Amino acid sequence: MKKISVSLSGHQTSISLEQEFVQILYDAAKSKRISVAALIAQIDSERELHTNLSSAVRVWILKYVCKRNVN
């Protein structure tokens, strides 16, 4: 597990992800030409109210990989 610390809406928070998810998250941010923190902020803004941020990031990554593999 790797811990990623970011500031979201002025509050420090951190998420823990498996290394495989971290690598895809970094690759996705690079391909979108945004920082990892900006990508996590985007995912945070789109997640459902009661969804854990780490879980939301994992689901986003799953969807990202699936969409990438279809195209």
Protein backbone atom coordinates (compact mmCIF):
# COMPACT_ATOMS: atom_id res chain seq x y z
CA MET A 1 0.00 0.00 0.00
CA LYS A 2 1.11 3.50 -0.78
CA LYS A 3 -0.19 6.61 0.93
CA ILE A 4 -0.88 9.68 -1.20
CA SER A 5 -1.42 12.99 0.60
CA VAL A 6 -3.28 15.84 -1.10
CA SER A 7 -5.11 19.02 -0.22
CA LEU A 8 -8.80 18.99 -1.17
CA SER A 9 -10.79 22.17 -0.71
CA GLY A 10 -8.13 23.46 1.65
CA HIS A 11 -8.07 20.34 3.83
CA GLN A 12 -5.21 17.84 3.95
CA THR A 13 -6.28 14.27 3.35
CA SER A 14 -4.62 11.07 2.34
CA ILE A 15 -5.62 7.89 0.58
CA SER A 16 -3.98 4.49 0.62
CA LEU A 17 -3.84 2.51 -2.59
CA GLU A 18 -2.14 -0.62 -3.81
CA GLN A 19 0.95 0.10 -5.91
CA GLU A 20 -0.78 -1.12 -9.10
CA PHE A 21 -3.56 1.46 -8.64
CA VAL A 22 -1.02 4.18 -7.85
CA GLN A 23 0.86 3.54 -11.09
CA ILE A 24 -2.30 3.77 -13.18
CA LEU A 25 -3.38 6.92 -11.31
CA TYR A 26 -0.03 8.58 -12.11
CA ASP A 27 -0.22 7.43 -15.74
CA ALA A 28 -3.77 8.78 -16.06
CA ALA A 29 -2.79 12.15 -14.61
CA LYS A 30 0.16 12.34 -16.99
CA SER A 31 -2.01 11.49 -20.01
CA LYS A 32 -4.53 14.16 -18.96
CA ARG A 33 -1.67 16.62 -18.38
CA ILE A 34 -2.78 17.38 -14.84
CA SER A 35 -1.25 16.69 -11.45
CA VAL A 36 -2.21 13.63 -9.44
CA ALA A 37 -3.66 15.99 -6.83
CA ALA A 38 -5.84 17.65 -9.49
CA LEU A 39 -7.06 14.26 -10.71
CA ILE A 40 -7.90 13.15 -7.17
CA ALA A 41 -9.74 16.45 -6.64
CA GLN A 42 -11.74 15.80 -9.81
CA ILE A 43 -12.61 12.27 -8.65
CA ASP A 44 -13.53 13.67 -5.22
CA SER A 45 -15.89 16.23 -6.75
CA GLU A 46 -17.67 13.52 -8.76
CA ARG A 47 -18.02 10.84 -6.08
CA GLU A 48 -21.23 10.04 -4.27
CA LEU A 49 -21.61 11.60 -0.85
CA HIS A 50 -21.10 8.48 1.26
CA THR A 51 -18.39 6.87 -0.87
CA ASN A 52 -14.95 6.57 0.65
CA LEU A 53 -12.37 8.56 -1.36
CA SER A 54 -9.97 5.62 -1.71
CA SER A 55 -12.81 3.46 -3.01
CA ALA A 56 -13.93 6.20 -5.41
CA VAL A 57 -10.38 6.43 -6.78
CA ARG A 58 -10.18 2.66 -7.26
CA VAL A 59 -13.52 2.59 -9.10
CA TRP A 60 -12.47 5.55 -11.25
CA ILE A 61 -9.24 3.72 -12.13
CA LEU A 62 -11.17 0.56 -13.01
CA LYS A 63 -13.46 2.52 -15.33
CA TYR A 64 -10.48 4.36 -16.83
CA VAL A 65 -8.69 1.10 -17.62
CA CYS A 66 -11.83 -0.52 -19.03
CA LYS A 67 -12.54 2.47 -21.25
CA ARG A 68 -8.92 2.59 -22.42
CA ASN A 69 -8.99 -1.12 -23.31
CA VAL A 70 -12.22 -0.73 -25.35
CA ASN A 71 -10.76 2.07 -27.47
